[in-house]
Amino acid sequence: MDDRIGKLINAFESNGWVYKGPVDISDWWFTEIFQLSSTWRPVNTNLYLTLLTDPQLLNKKVVWAVGISSSIPGNPGFDFVAKLTLNEISKTSLSEIVNKVNKVVLR
């Protein structure tokens, strides 16, 4: 796993989420989906981190971004709660992103 994705998961784990593991599903537009579950109210709310592939390099399955959602996305045009490129994960305040997601998902 890319260190930046690990840092994002750690940021969620520090703010009311527990990492459950990968979801057993695959498609051409992502490499993996990781499931997290809330420990804050409402407890056991699901959160999904979808590792999106670069649309210009589909044959190589290169991850370029992470889509964050409260349900498993069904298509590449899915409306994520938040989406971050791997470079943004390194440059962005992850606590701000987690707080934004928590306000939307844990209402």
N, C-alpha and C. Protein backbone atom coordinates (compact mmCIF):
# COMPACT_ATOMS: atom_id res chain seq x y z
N MET A 1 0.85 -1.18 0.00
CA MET A 1 0.00 0.00 0.00
C MET A 1 0.90 1.24 0.00
N ASP A 2 0.53 2.21 -0.79
CA ASP A 2 1.24 3.49 -0.85
C ASP A 2 1.19 4.17 0.52
N ASP A 3 2.31 4.73 0.95
CA ASP A 3 2.39 5.40 2.26
C ASP A 3 1.34 6.49 2.42
N ARG A 4 1.03 7.21 1.33
CA ARG A 4 0.05 8.29 1.41
C ARG A 4 -1.34 7.76 1.73
N ILE A 5 -1.68 6.61 1.18
CA ILE A 5 -2.97 6.00 1.48
C ILE A 5 -2.99 5.53 2.94
N GLY A 6 -1.87 4.99 3.39
CA GLY A 6 -1.76 4.61 4.79
C GLY A 6 -1.94 5.80 5.73
N LYS A 7 -1.38 6.96 5.36
CA LYS A 7 -1.54 8.17 6.17
C LYS A 7 -2.99 8.62 6.20
N LEU A 8 -3.68 8.49 5.07
CA LEU A 8 -5.10 8.86 5.02
C LEU A 8 -5.92 7.93 5.92
N ILE A 9 -5.66 6.64 5.85
CA ILE A 9 -6.36 5.69 6.72
C ILE A 9 -6.07 6.00 8.19
N ASN A 10 -4.81 6.30 8.51
CA ASN A 10 -4.45 6.65 9.90
C ASN A 10 -5.18 7.90 10.37
N ALA A 11 -5.35 8.88 9.48
CA ALA A 11 -6.07 10.10 9.85
C ALA A 11 -7.53 9.77 10.19
N PHE A 12 -8.14 8.88 9.43
CA PHE A 12 -9.51 8.47 9.75
C PHE A 12 -9.55 7.68 11.05
N GLU A 13 -8.57 6.81 11.26
CA GLU A 13 -8.54 6.01 12.49
C GLU A 13 -8.36 6.89 13.73
N SER A 14 -7.73 8.02 13.57
CA SER A 14 -7.54 8.95 14.70
C SER A 14 -8.77 9.80 14.96
N ASN A 15 -9.76 9.69 14.08
CA ASN A 15 -10.94 10.54 14.18
C ASN A 15 -12.24 9.76 14.02
N GLY A 16 -12.35 8.64 14.74
CA GLY A 16 -13.64 7.97 14.82
C GLY A 16 -13.89 6.83 13.86
N TRP A 17 -12.85 6.30 13.21
CA TRP A 17 -13.05 5.21 12.25
C TRP A 17 -12.10 4.06 12.56
N VAL A 18 -12.51 2.86 12.20
CA VAL A 18 -11.66 1.68 12.30
C VAL A 18 -11.57 1.05 10.91
N TYR A 19 -10.35 0.68 10.53
CA TYR A 19 -10.11 0.06 9.23
C TYR A 19 -10.59 -1.39 9.26
N LYS A 20 -11.47 -1.75 8.32
CA LYS A 20 -12.03 -3.11 8.26
C LYS A 20 -11.31 -3.99 7.23
N GLY A 21 -10.70 -3.36 6.22
CA GLY A 21 -10.00 -4.13 5.19
C GLY A 21 -10.55 -3.86 3.81
N PRO A 22 -10.01 -4.59 2.82
CA PRO A 22 -10.47 -4.39 1.44
C PRO A 22 -11.85 -5.02 1.20
N VAL A 23 -12.58 -4.42 0.28
CA VAL A 23 -13.88 -4.95 -0.15
C VAL A 23 -13.61 -5.89 -1.31
N ASP A 24 -14.29 -7.01 -1.34
CA ASP A 24 -14.09 -8.02 -2.39
C ASP A 24 -14.91 -7.68 -3.62
N ILE A 25 -14.44 -6.71 -4.38
CA ILE A 25 -15.11 -6.26 -5.60
C ILE A 25 -14.03 -5.67 -6.51
N SER A 26 -14.22 -5.76 -7.81
CA SER A 26 -13.25 -5.16 -8.73
C SER A 26 -13.95 -4.62 -9.97
N ASP A 27 -13.29 -3.68 -10.60
CA ASP A 27 -13.78 -3.09 -11.85
C ASP A 27 -12.59 -2.43 -12.54
N TRP A 28 -12.78 -1.99 -13.75
CA TRP A 28 -11.67 -1.45 -14.54
C TRP A 28 -11.20 -0.07 -14.07
N TRP A 29 -12.02 0.68 -13.36
CA TRP A 29 -11.70 2.08 -13.05
C TRP A 29 -11.15 2.31 -11.65
N PHE A 30 -10.93 1.23 -10.90
CA PHE A 30 -10.27 1.34 -9.59
C PHE A 30 -9.45 0.08 -9.34
N THR A 31 -8.49 0.18 -8.40
CA THR A 31 -7.68 -1.00 -8.07
C THR A 31 -8.20 -1.71 -6.83
N GLU A 32 -8.62 -0.93 -5.82
CA GLU A 32 -9.14 -1.51 -4.59
C GLU A 32 -10.12 -0.55 -3.94
N ILE A 33 -10.95 -1.10 -3.07
CA ILE A 33 -11.81 -0.30 -2.21
C ILE A 33 -11.56 -0.77 -0.78
N PHE A 34 -11.25 0.18 0.11
CA PHE A 34 -11.05 -0.14 1.52
C PHE A 34 -12.25 0.31 2.33
N GLN A 35 -12.68 -0.52 3.26
CA GLN A 35 -13.83 -0.21 4.09
C GLN A 35 -13.38 0.22 5.48
N LEU A 36 -14.00 1.27 5.99
CA LEU A 36 -13.83 1.71 7.36
C LEU A 36 -15.20 1.73 8.00
N SER A 37 -15.23 1.63 9.32
CA SER A 37 -16.50 1.64 10.06
C SER A 37 -16.36 2.63 11.21
N SER A 38 -17.42 3.40 11.46
CA SER A 38 -17.34 4.44 12.48
C SER A 38 -17.41 3.86 13.89
N THR A 39 -16.63 4.46 14.78
CA THR A 39 -16.71 4.16 16.20
C THR A 39 -17.46 5.28 16.92
N TRP A 40 -17.67 6.37 16.21
CA TRP A 40 -18.44 7.50 16.73
C TRP A 40 -19.88 7.33 16.25
N ARG A 41 -20.80 8.08 16.85
CA ARG A 41 -22.21 8.01 16.46
C ARG A 41 -22.42 8.63 15.10
N PRO A 42 -23.22 8.03 14.29
CA PRO A 42 -23.82 6.71 14.45
C PRO A 42 -22.77 5.60 14.25
N VAL A 43 -22.64 4.77 15.26
CA VAL A 43 -21.67 3.68 15.26
C VAL A 43 -21.96 2.71 14.12
N ASN A 44 -20.91 2.17 13.55
CA ASN A 44 -20.95 1.18 12.46
C ASN A 44 -21.40 1.75 11.12
N THR A 45 -21.35 3.06 10.97
CA THR A 45 -21.57 3.66 9.65
C THR A 45 -20.37 3.29 8.78
N ASN A 46 -20.62 2.94 7.54
CA ASN A 46 -19.53 2.54 6.65
C ASN A 46 -18.98 3.72 5.87
N LEU A 47 -17.69 3.63 5.58
CA LEU A 47 -17.00 4.60 4.74
C LEU A 47 -16.11 3.80 3.80
N TYR A 48 -16.01 4.24 2.55
CA TYR A 48 -15.24 3.51 1.55
C TYR A 48 -14.21 4.43 0.91
N LEU A 49 -12.98 3.95 0.84
CA LEU A 49 -11.90 4.66 0.16
C LEU A 49 -11.61 3.89 -1.12
N THR A 50 -11.95 4.50 -2.26
CA THR A 50 -11.79 3.85 -3.56
C THR A 50 -10.52 4.36 -4.22
N LEU A 51 -9.61 3.46 -4.55
CA LEU A 51 -8.36 3.83 -5.20
C LEU A 51 -8.59 3.89 -6.70
N LEU A 52 -8.72 5.11 -7.20
CA LEU A 52 -9.10 5.34 -8.60
C LEU A 52 -7.89 5.26 -9.52
N THR A 53 -8.06 4.61 -10.66
CA THR A 53 -6.97 4.48 -11.62
C THR A 53 -6.93 5.69 -12.55
N ASP A 54 -5.73 5.96 -13.03
CA ASP A 54 -5.53 7.06 -13.97
C ASP A 54 -6.26 6.72 -15.26
N PRO A 55 -7.23 7.55 -15.68
CA PRO A 55 -8.01 7.24 -16.88
C PRO A 55 -7.18 7.23 -18.16
N GLN A 56 -5.99 7.82 -18.12
CA GLN A 56 -5.12 7.84 -19.30
C GLN A 56 -4.24 6.59 -19.37
N LEU A 57 -4.15 5.84 -18.27
CA LEU A 57 -3.28 4.66 -18.21
C LEU A 57 -4.06 3.44 -17.74
N LEU A 58 -5.21 3.19 -18.34
CA LEU A 58 -6.09 2.12 -17.88
C LEU A 58 -5.45 0.74 -17.89
N ASN A 59 -4.61 0.47 -18.87
CA ASN A 59 -3.99 -0.86 -18.97
C ASN A 59 -2.99 -1.12 -17.85
N LYS A 60 -2.48 -0.05 -17.22
CA LYS A 60 -1.46 -0.22 -16.19
C LYS A 60 -2.03 -0.17 -14.78
N LYS A 61 -3.28 0.25 -14.59
CA LYS A 61 -3.92 0.34 -13.28
C LYS A 61 -3.09 1.16 -12.29
N VAL A 62 -2.70 2.35 -12.69
CA VAL A 62 -1.93 3.26 -11.86
C VAL A 62 -2.91 4.10 -11.02
N VAL A 63 -2.77 4.04 -9.70
CA VAL A 63 -3.64 4.82 -8.82
C VAL A 63 -3.23 6.28 -8.87
N TRP A 64 -4.20 7.17 -9.07
CA TRP A 64 -3.91 8.60 -9.10
C TRP A 64 -4.70 9.37 -8.05
N ALA A 65 -5.80 8.77 -7.54
CA ALA A 65 -6.64 9.49 -6.59
C ALA A 65 -7.39 8.51 -5.70
N VAL A 66 -7.92 9.06 -4.61
CA VAL A 66 -8.76 8.29 -3.68
C VAL A 66 -10.12 8.97 -3.60
N GLY A 67 -11.17 8.23 -3.90
CA GLY A 67 -12.52 8.73 -3.75
C GLY A 67 -13.08 8.24 -2.42
N ILE A 68 -13.70 9.14 -1.67
CA ILE A 68 -14.23 8.82 -0.35
C ILE A 68 -15.75 8.87 -0.41
N SER A 69 -16.41 7.80 0.05
CA SER A 69 -17.87 7.74 -0.06
C SER A 69 -18.47 6.93 1.09
N SER A 70 -19.78 7.11 1.28
CA SER A 70 -20.48 6.36 2.32
C SER A 70 -21.17 5.11 1.75
N SER A 71 -21.03 4.89 0.46
CA SER A 71 -21.52 3.67 -0.17
C SER A 71 -20.52 3.23 -1.22
N ILE A 72 -20.59 1.97 -1.60
CA ILE A 72 -19.68 1.46 -2.62
C ILE A 72 -20.06 2.10 -3.95
N PRO A 73 -19.10 2.77 -4.60
CA PRO A 73 -19.42 3.43 -5.86
C PRO A 73 -19.74 2.44 -6.97
N GLY A 74 -20.69 2.82 -7.81
CA GLY A 74 -21.14 1.91 -8.86
C GLY A 74 -20.58 2.18 -10.23
N ASN A 75 -20.00 3.35 -10.44
CA ASN A 75 -19.47 3.68 -11.77
C ASN A 75 -18.43 4.80 -11.66
N PRO A 76 -17.65 5.04 -12.72
CA PRO A 76 -16.60 6.04 -12.65
C PRO A 76 -17.12 7.47 -12.47
N GLY A 77 -18.37 7.73 -12.77
CA GLY A 77 -18.94 9.06 -12.61
C GLY A 77 -19.59 9.28 -11.25
N PHE A 78 -19.36 8.37 -10.32
CA PHE A 78 -19.94 8.42 -8.98
C PHE A 78 -19.61 9.75 -8.29
N ASP A 79 -20.57 10.26 -7.52
CA ASP A 79 -20.39 11.53 -6.80
C ASP A 79 -19.83 11.26 -5.40
N PHE A 80 -18.50 11.36 -5.27
CA PHE A 80 -17.84 11.09 -4.00
C PHE A 80 -18.04 12.24 -3.02
N VAL A 81 -18.01 11.93 -1.73
CA VAL A 81 -18.06 12.95 -0.68
C VAL A 81 -16.82 13.83 -0.78
N ALA A 82 -15.68 13.19 -1.07
CA ALA A 82 -14.41 13.90 -1.28
C ALA A 82 -13.57 13.06 -2.22
N LYS A 83 -12.69 13.73 -2.95
CA LYS A 83 -11.75 13.05 -3.83
C LYS A 83 -10.41 13.77 -3.72
N LEU A 84 -9.36 13.01 -3.50
CA LEU A 84 -8.01 13.57 -3.36
C LEU A 84 -7.05 12.84 -4.28
N THR A 85 -6.21 13.58 -4.98
CA THR A 85 -5.13 12.91 -5.71
C THR A 85 -4.09 12.48 -4.69
N LEU A 86 -3.24 11.54 -5.07
CA LEU A 86 -2.20 11.10 -4.15
C LEU A 86 -1.29 12.26 -3.76
N ASN A 87 -1.02 13.16 -4.70
CA ASN A 87 -0.18 14.33 -4.39
C ASN A 87 -0.87 15.25 -3.39
N GLU A 88 -2.18 15.41 -3.50
CA GLU A 88 -2.92 16.26 -2.55
C GLU A 88 -2.88 15.69 -1.13
N ILE A 89 -2.85 14.37 -1.02
CA ILE A 89 -2.79 13.75 0.31
C ILE A 89 -1.53 14.22 1.03
N SER A 90 -0.44 14.36 0.30
CA SER A 90 0.83 14.81 0.90
C SER A 90 0.80 16.28 1.27
N LYS A 91 -0.01 17.08 0.58
CA LYS A 91 0.02 18.53 0.74
C LYS A 91 -1.15 19.09 1.54
N THR A 92 -2.18 18.30 1.75
CA THR A 92 -3.41 18.77 2.37
C THR A 92 -3.45 18.39 3.84
N SER A 93 -4.13 19.20 4.63
CA SER A 93 -4.36 18.86 6.03
C SER A 93 -5.37 17.72 6.08
N LEU A 94 -4.89 16.53 6.43
CA LEU A 94 -5.77 15.37 6.44
C LEU A 94 -6.84 15.49 7.52
N SER A 95 -6.53 16.17 8.62
CA SER A 95 -7.55 16.34 9.66
C SER A 95 -8.71 17.19 9.14
N GLU A 96 -8.42 18.18 8.29
CA GLU A 96 -9.50 18.99 7.70
C GLU A 96 -10.37 18.14 6.78
N ILE A 97 -9.75 17.28 5.99
CA ILE A 97 -10.51 16.40 5.09
C ILE A 97 -11.38 15.45 5.91
N VAL A 98 -10.80 14.84 6.95
CA VAL A 98 -11.56 13.91 7.78
C VAL A 98 -12.72 14.63 8.47
N ASN A 99 -12.49 15.82 8.98
CA ASN A 99 -13.57 16.59 9.60
C ASN A 99 -14.68 16.89 8.62
N LYS A 100 -14.32 17.25 7.38
CA LYS A 100 -15.32 17.53 6.35
C LYS A 100 -16.15 16.27 6.06
N VAL A 101 -15.46 15.14 5.91
CA VAL A 101 -16.16 13.88 5.63
C VAL A 101 -17.06 13.51 6.80
N ASN A 102 -16.54 13.65 8.03
CA ASN A 102 -17.34 13.31 9.22
C ASN A 102 -18.61 14.15 9.31
N LYS A 103 -18.51 15.43 8.96
CA LYS A 103 -19.71 16.29 9.00
C LYS A 103 -20.78 15.83 8.03
N VAL A 104 -20.36 15.28 6.90
CA VAL A 104 -21.32 14.82 5.89
C VAL A 104 -21.84 13.41 6.23
N VAL A 105 -20.95 12.52 6.61
CA VAL A 105 -21.30 11.12 6.77
C VAL A 105 -21.88 10.79 8.15
N LEU A 106 -21.38 11.46 9.19
CA LEU A 106 -21.83 11.15 10.55
C LEU A 106 -22.79 12.20 11.07
N ARG A 107 -23.84 12.48 10.34
CA ARG A 107 -24.80 13.49 10.77
C ARG A 107 -25.78 12.91 11.74
